[in-house]
Amino acid sequence: MKLTKHQTAVLAHVVIDPEAWQAHNEVVSKDSATAEARLAAKVARCEPEYRGQKDRAGYMTRSDRGD
């Protein structure tokens, strides 16, 4: 499943490589419905923090932060 721009942006706030995270999610999920549900849950959990940070001066993704 291809990530949307929004999903990618939210995931990039908390994981170093959103595409790699999704590839792993698809491998460990027993089917595509489970993978989609896990993706939706991750985005829903992380979105409030992302929205609170994304417009701040100097915002960096997790990869940029290096943590």
N, C-alpha and C. Protein backbone atom coordinates (compact mmCIF):
# COMPACT_ATOMS: atom_id res chain seq x y z
N MET A 1 0.83 -1.17 0.00
CA MET A 1 0.00 0.00 0.00
C MET A 1 0.88 1.24 0.00
N LYS A 2 0.59 2.15 -0.87
CA LYS A 2 1.33 3.40 -0.97
C LYS A 2 0.83 4.37 0.09
N LEU A 3 1.76 5.00 0.79
CA LEU A 3 1.39 5.99 1.79
C LEU A 3 0.96 7.29 1.13
N THR A 4 -0.03 7.96 1.72
CA THR A 4 -0.41 9.29 1.25
C THR A 4 0.64 10.29 1.74
N LYS A 5 0.60 11.50 1.21
CA LYS A 5 1.53 12.54 1.67
C LYS A 5 1.31 12.82 3.15
N HIS A 6 0.06 12.84 3.57
CA HIS A 6 -0.25 13.11 4.97
C HIS A 6 0.28 12.00 5.87
N GLN A 7 0.03 10.75 5.51
CA GLN A 7 0.52 9.63 6.29
C GLN A 7 2.04 9.67 6.39
N THR A 8 2.69 9.96 5.27
CA THR A 8 4.15 10.05 5.24
C THR A 8 4.64 11.14 6.18
N ALA A 9 4.00 12.30 6.13
CA ALA A 9 4.41 13.42 6.98
C ALA A 9 4.25 13.09 8.46
N VAL A 10 3.13 12.50 8.82
CA VAL A 10 2.89 12.16 10.23
C VAL A 10 3.89 11.09 10.68
N LEU A 11 4.07 10.06 9.88
CA LEU A 11 5.02 9.01 10.25
C LEU A 11 6.45 9.55 10.34
N ALA A 12 6.80 10.47 9.45
CA ALA A 12 8.16 11.03 9.46
C ALA A 12 8.44 11.80 10.75
N HIS A 13 7.39 12.19 11.43
CA HIS A 13 7.57 12.87 12.72
C HIS A 13 8.09 11.91 13.78
N VAL A 14 7.75 10.61 13.65
CA VAL A 14 8.08 9.65 14.70
C VAL A 14 8.96 8.48 14.27
N VAL A 15 9.11 8.25 12.98
CA VAL A 15 9.99 7.18 12.51
C VAL A 15 11.00 7.75 11.52
N ILE A 16 12.15 7.12 11.42
CA ILE A 16 13.21 7.63 10.54
C ILE A 16 12.84 7.47 9.07
N ASP A 17 12.22 6.37 8.72
CA ASP A 17 11.90 6.10 7.32
C ASP A 17 10.46 5.58 7.21
N PRO A 18 9.52 6.45 6.89
CA PRO A 18 8.12 6.03 6.81
C PRO A 18 7.87 4.90 5.82
N GLU A 19 8.52 4.90 4.69
CA GLU A 19 8.32 3.84 3.69
C GLU A 19 8.82 2.50 4.24
N ALA A 20 9.95 2.51 4.93
CA ALA A 20 10.47 1.28 5.52
C ALA A 20 9.54 0.80 6.64
N TRP A 21 8.99 1.73 7.42
CA TRP A 21 8.05 1.34 8.46
C TRP A 21 6.84 0.65 7.84
N GLN A 22 6.31 1.23 6.77
CA GLN A 22 5.13 0.65 6.13
C GLN A 22 5.46 -0.70 5.50
N ALA A 23 6.63 -0.84 4.90
CA ALA A 23 7.03 -2.14 4.33
C ALA A 23 7.08 -3.20 5.43
N HIS A 24 7.64 -2.85 6.57
CA HIS A 24 7.69 -3.79 7.70
C HIS A 24 6.28 -4.10 8.20
N ASN A 25 5.44 -3.08 8.29
CA ASN A 25 4.06 -3.26 8.72
C ASN A 25 3.35 -4.27 7.81
N GLU A 26 3.56 -4.16 6.52
CA GLU A 26 2.91 -5.08 5.58
C GLU A 26 3.43 -6.51 5.74
N VAL A 27 4.71 -6.66 6.06
CA VAL A 27 5.30 -7.99 6.24
C VAL A 27 4.76 -8.67 7.50
N VAL A 28 4.69 -7.93 8.59
CA VAL A 28 4.29 -8.54 9.86
C VAL A 28 2.77 -8.67 10.01
N SER A 29 2.02 -7.94 9.23
CA SER A 29 0.56 -8.05 9.29
C SER A 29 0.10 -9.28 8.53
N LYS A 30 -0.92 -9.94 9.06
CA LYS A 30 -1.37 -11.18 8.43
C LYS A 30 -2.12 -10.96 7.12
N ASP A 31 -2.65 -9.74 6.93
CA ASP A 31 -3.35 -9.43 5.68
C ASP A 31 -3.38 -7.92 5.48
N SER A 32 -3.85 -7.50 4.31
CA SER A 32 -3.83 -6.07 4.00
C SER A 32 -4.76 -5.27 4.90
N ALA A 33 -5.87 -5.86 5.33
CA ALA A 33 -6.78 -5.15 6.23
C ALA A 33 -6.10 -4.85 7.56
N THR A 34 -5.34 -5.81 8.07
CA THR A 34 -4.62 -5.60 9.32
C THR A 34 -3.54 -4.54 9.14
N ALA A 35 -2.84 -4.58 8.03
CA ALA A 35 -1.80 -3.58 7.76
C ALA A 35 -2.42 -2.19 7.68
N GLU A 36 -3.55 -2.06 7.02
CA GLU A 36 -4.21 -0.76 6.91
C GLU A 36 -4.69 -0.28 8.27
N ALA A 37 -5.21 -1.18 9.08
CA ALA A 37 -5.67 -0.82 10.42
C ALA A 37 -4.51 -0.36 11.30
N ARG A 38 -3.39 -1.06 11.22
CA ARG A 38 -2.22 -0.66 12.01
C ARG A 38 -1.68 0.69 11.57
N LEU A 39 -1.67 0.92 10.26
CA LEU A 39 -1.23 2.22 9.74
C LEU A 39 -2.16 3.32 10.24
N ALA A 40 -3.46 3.11 10.13
CA ALA A 40 -4.42 4.11 10.57
C ALA A 40 -4.27 4.40 12.07
N ALA A 41 -4.06 3.37 12.86
CA ALA A 41 -3.90 3.54 14.30
C ALA A 41 -2.63 4.33 14.62
N LYS A 42 -1.54 4.02 13.93
CA LYS A 42 -0.27 4.73 14.16
C LYS A 42 -0.41 6.20 13.81
N VAL A 43 -1.01 6.48 12.67
CA VAL A 43 -1.20 7.87 12.25
C VAL A 43 -2.10 8.59 13.25
N ALA A 44 -3.18 7.96 13.68
CA ALA A 44 -4.10 8.59 14.64
C ALA A 44 -3.40 8.90 15.96
N ARG A 45 -2.55 7.99 16.43
CA ARG A 45 -1.81 8.21 17.69
C ARG A 45 -0.81 9.34 17.57
N CYS A 46 -0.15 9.44 16.43
CA CYS A 46 0.95 10.39 16.26
C CYS A 46 0.52 11.76 15.74
N GLU A 47 -0.65 11.82 15.14
CA GLU A 47 -1.09 13.06 14.50
C GLU A 47 -1.20 14.25 15.44
N PRO A 48 -1.75 14.12 16.65
CA PRO A 48 -1.84 15.31 17.52
C PRO A 48 -0.47 15.95 17.81
N GLU A 49 0.52 15.12 18.10
CA GLU A 49 1.85 15.66 18.36
C GLU A 49 2.43 16.30 17.10
N TYR A 50 2.25 15.63 15.96
CA TYR A 50 2.73 16.17 14.68
C TYR A 50 2.09 17.53 14.40
N ARG A 51 0.78 17.63 14.54
CA ARG A 51 0.08 18.89 14.27
C ARG A 51 0.57 20.00 15.19
N GLY A 52 0.89 19.65 16.42
CA GLY A 52 1.37 20.65 17.37
C GLY A 52 2.79 21.12 17.09
N GLN A 53 3.54 20.35 16.34
CA GLN A 53 4.94 20.68 16.09
C GLN A 53 5.23 21.19 14.68
N LYS A 54 4.49 20.74 13.69
CA LYS A 54 4.86 20.94 12.28
C LYS A 54 4.99 22.39 11.84
N ASP A 55 4.27 23.30 12.45
CA ASP A 55 4.32 24.70 12.02
C ASP A 55 5.27 25.55 12.84
N ARG A 56 5.96 24.93 13.76
CA ARG A 56 6.92 25.69 14.57
C ARG A 56 8.19 25.96 13.78
N ALA A 57 8.79 27.08 14.08
CA ALA A 57 10.06 27.42 13.43
C ALA A 57 11.10 26.36 13.75
N GLY A 58 11.81 25.93 12.76
CA GLY A 58 12.87 24.95 12.96
C GLY A 58 12.39 23.52 13.05
N TYR A 59 11.11 23.27 12.67
CA TYR A 59 10.59 21.90 12.75
C TYR A 59 11.48 20.95 11.95
N MET A 60 11.73 19.76 12.52
CA MET A 60 12.50 18.74 11.84
C MET A 60 11.80 17.39 12.00
N THR A 61 11.90 16.56 10.99
CA THR A 61 11.39 15.21 11.08
C THR A 61 12.31 14.40 12.00
N ARG A 62 11.89 13.20 12.33
CA ARG A 62 12.73 12.36 13.19
C ARG A 62 14.08 12.10 12.55
N SER A 63 14.08 11.86 11.25
CA SER A 63 15.33 11.64 10.54
C SER A 63 16.25 12.85 10.64
N ASP A 64 15.67 14.04 10.50
CA ASP A 64 16.47 15.27 10.60
C ASP A 64 16.97 15.51 12.02
N ARG A 65 16.13 15.14 13.01
CA ARG A 65 16.53 15.33 14.42
C ARG A 65 17.64 14.36 14.82
N GLY A 66 17.66 13.21 14.19
CA GLY A 66 18.69 12.23 14.49
C GLY A 66 18.52 11.53 15.83
N ASP A 67 17.30 11.52 16.37
CA ASP A 67 17.12 10.84 17.66
C ASP A 67 16.36 9.56 17.52
